[in-house]
Protein backbone atom coordinates (compact mmCIF):
# COMPACT_ATOMS: atom_id res chain seq x y z
CA ALA A 1 1.75 0.85 7.55
CA GLY A 2 3.81 -1.12 10.00
CA GLU A 3 4.56 -4.73 10.77
CA TYR A 4 2.00 -7.40 11.50
CA VAL A 5 1.92 -11.06 12.44
CA TYR A 6 -0.73 -13.48 11.20
CA VAL A 7 -1.49 -16.88 12.72
CA GLY A 8 -3.10 -19.53 10.55
CA SER A 9 -3.23 -23.29 10.28
CA ALA A 10 -3.27 -26.01 7.66
CA GLN A 11 -4.10 -29.50 8.84
CA GLY A 12 -4.80 -31.06 5.44
CA GLN A 13 -2.80 -34.01 4.16
CA ARG A 14 -3.17 -33.35 0.43
CA GLY A 15 -4.21 -30.77 -2.09
CA SER A 16 -4.83 -27.13 -1.28
CA THR A 17 -5.20 -27.72 2.47
CA THR A 18 -1.60 -28.83 3.08
CA LEU A 19 0.81 -26.52 4.85
CA ALA A 20 2.90 -25.91 1.72
CA SER A 21 -0.10 -25.17 -0.51
CA ARG A 22 -1.69 -22.91 2.11
CA LEU A 23 1.52 -20.89 2.53
CA LEU A 24 2.02 -20.58 -1.23
CA ARG A 25 -1.62 -19.52 -1.59
CA HIS A 26 -1.04 -16.69 0.87
CA THR A 27 1.90 -15.48 -1.23
CA ALA A 28 -0.25 -15.27 -4.37
CA ARG A 29 -2.49 -12.39 -5.40
CA THR A 30 -5.61 -12.24 -7.55
CA GLU A 31 -5.85 -11.55 -11.27
CA ASN A 32 -2.66 -10.25 -12.89
CA LYS A 33 -1.14 -8.85 -9.71
CA PRO A 34 2.42 -9.97 -8.95
CA SER A 35 2.93 -12.55 -6.24
CA HIS A 36 4.67 -11.63 -3.01
CA LEU A 37 8.44 -11.51 -3.52
CA ILE A 38 8.94 -14.27 -0.95
CA GLN A 39 6.99 -16.85 -3.00
CA ILE A 40 9.93 -18.31 -4.96
CA VAL A 41 12.21 -18.54 -1.91
CA LEU A 42 9.37 -20.05 0.13
CA ALA A 43 8.59 -22.65 -2.54
CA ASP A 44 12.27 -23.64 -2.67
CA ARG A 45 12.52 -23.87 1.13
CA LEU A 46 9.33 -25.92 1.40
CA HIS A 47 10.64 -28.28 -1.30
CA SER A 48 13.96 -28.67 0.55
CA GLU A 49 11.96 -29.70 3.64
CA GLY A 50 10.00 -32.29 1.63
CA LEU A 51 6.87 -30.16 1.58
CA ASP A 52 5.84 -29.67 -2.00
CA GLY A 53 2.82 -27.53 -2.66
CA ALA A 54 1.29 -26.11 -5.77
CA LYS A 55 1.32 -22.41 -6.46
CA PRO A 56 -2.31 -21.54 -7.17
CA LYS A 57 -3.21 -20.90 -10.81
CA SER A 58 -5.75 -18.37 -9.60
CA LYS A 59 -6.78 -17.05 -6.22
CA SER A 60 -10.19 -16.20 -4.87
CA MET A 61 -10.77 -14.30 -1.65
CA HIS A 62 -11.86 -16.42 1.28
CA TRP A 63 -10.28 -15.36 4.59
CA HIS A 64 -9.83 -11.88 6.10
CA VAL A 65 -6.11 -12.05 5.48
CA ASP A 66 -6.68 -12.67 1.74
CA TYR A 67 -7.98 -9.14 1.29
CA LEU A 68 -4.99 -7.65 3.08
CA LEU A 69 -2.40 -9.77 1.28
CA ASP A 70 -3.94 -8.97 -2.10
CA LEU A 71 -2.92 -5.31 -1.77
CA GLU A 72 0.27 -4.65 -3.73
CA ARG A 73 1.54 -2.28 -1.03
CA VAL A 74 1.52 -5.20 1.44
CA GLU A 75 4.47 -7.57 1.31
CA ILE A 76 5.11 -10.77 3.26
CA SER A 77 8.64 -10.51 4.60
CA HIS A 78 8.97 -13.66 6.72
CA VAL A 79 7.24 -16.97 7.33
CA ILE A 80 7.53 -18.99 10.53
CA ALA A 81 5.95 -22.40 10.06
CA PHE A 82 5.40 -25.20 12.56
CA ARG A 83 4.55 -28.75 11.55
CA SER A 84 2.43 -30.35 14.22
CA LYS A 85 -0.37 -32.87 14.34
CA ALA A 86 -1.64 -31.03 17.40
CA LYS A 87 -3.89 -28.05 16.84
CA ILE A 88 -1.76 -25.18 18.15
CA GLU A 89 -3.27 -22.25 16.24
CA ALA A 90 -5.40 -20.93 19.12
CA ARG A 91 -2.60 -21.34 21.69
CA LEU A 92 -0.09 -19.62 19.43
CA ALA A 93 -2.47 -16.74 18.71
CA ALA A 94 -3.18 -16.29 22.44
CA MET A 95 0.52 -16.36 23.23
CA ILE A 96 1.26 -13.68 20.62
CA GLU A 97 -1.72 -11.60 21.74
CA ASP A 98 -0.36 -11.59 25.31
CA MET A 99 3.04 -10.26 24.26
CA PRO A 100 3.66 -6.59 25.11
CA GLU A 101 5.03 -6.02 21.59
CA THR A 102 1.70 -6.85 19.93
CA ILE A 103 -1.45 -4.79 19.59
CA VAL A 104 -4.96 -6.05 18.92
CA PHE A 105 -6.30 -3.42 16.56
CA ALA A 106 -9.44 -5.31 15.49
CA PRO A 107 -10.72 -8.04 17.84
CA GLY A 108 -11.55 -11.26 16.01
CA LEU A 109 -9.73 -10.27 12.83
CA GLY A 110 -8.33 -13.26 11.00
CA ALA A 111 -9.99 -15.68 13.42
CA SER A 112 -13.51 -16.17 12.14
CA ASP A 113 -13.42 -19.77 13.38
CA GLN A 114 -12.28 -18.71 16.88
CA THR A 115 -14.28 -15.63 17.80
CA SER A 116 -12.58 -15.15 21.17
CA SER A 117 -9.22 -14.69 19.49
CA THR A 118 -7.42 -12.41 17.05
CA HIS A 119 -5.04 -13.86 14.49
CA LEU A 120 -3.80 -10.68 12.84
CA LEU A 121 -1.92 -8.38 15.20
CA ARG A 122 0.19 -5.28 14.82
CA VAL A 123 3.76 -5.67 16.08
CA GLU A 124 5.84 -2.85 17.51
CA ALA A 125 9.17 -4.52 18.17
CA ASP A 126 12.81 -4.20 17.31
CA GLU A 127 14.75 -6.61 15.13
CA LYS A 128 15.91 -8.56 18.19
CA TRP A 129 12.28 -9.56 18.93
CA TRP A 130 11.74 -10.74 15.35
CA ASN A 131 15.02 -12.69 15.41
CA ASN A 132 14.09 -14.51 18.64
CA VAL A 133 10.34 -14.96 18.36
CA ALA A 134 10.45 -18.33 16.56
CA ASP A 135 12.65 -19.81 19.30
CA LEU A 136 10.24 -18.50 21.92
CA PHE A 137 7.32 -20.17 20.14
CA VAL A 138 9.16 -23.48 19.98
CA LYS A 139 10.08 -23.27 23.67
CA GLU A 140 6.49 -22.56 24.70
CA LEU A 141 4.66 -24.89 22.32
CA VAL A 142 6.84 -27.99 22.21
């Protein structure tokens, strides 16, 4: 139970590796399980930003986060997405990891391609933190 933040990236220019497709993939579940409630709103928002992606017809497990997000008791509540040609995933993960509101509960989790980092962190913060965190990321990364 609790709130968590996950850091991922999508550098592809077409197909399933684009940002829109990757985000929509994360909102899907395997087999006949219902998608995350945010999927329709996310698809509409991505489309309004000119980022069309395909909702997956089926989903297979690949990354650590897939197994977590496939559980029906887990629900994605928010998505903060950055479009950048620069590879900022490691910097963003390190920045979040250094915040006093986050807890590394399993080193390396969600970051199999960056073993010195953790990309899935528990967050113990009030609503003010969640409301301001995107602006903080932009300020630090741009």
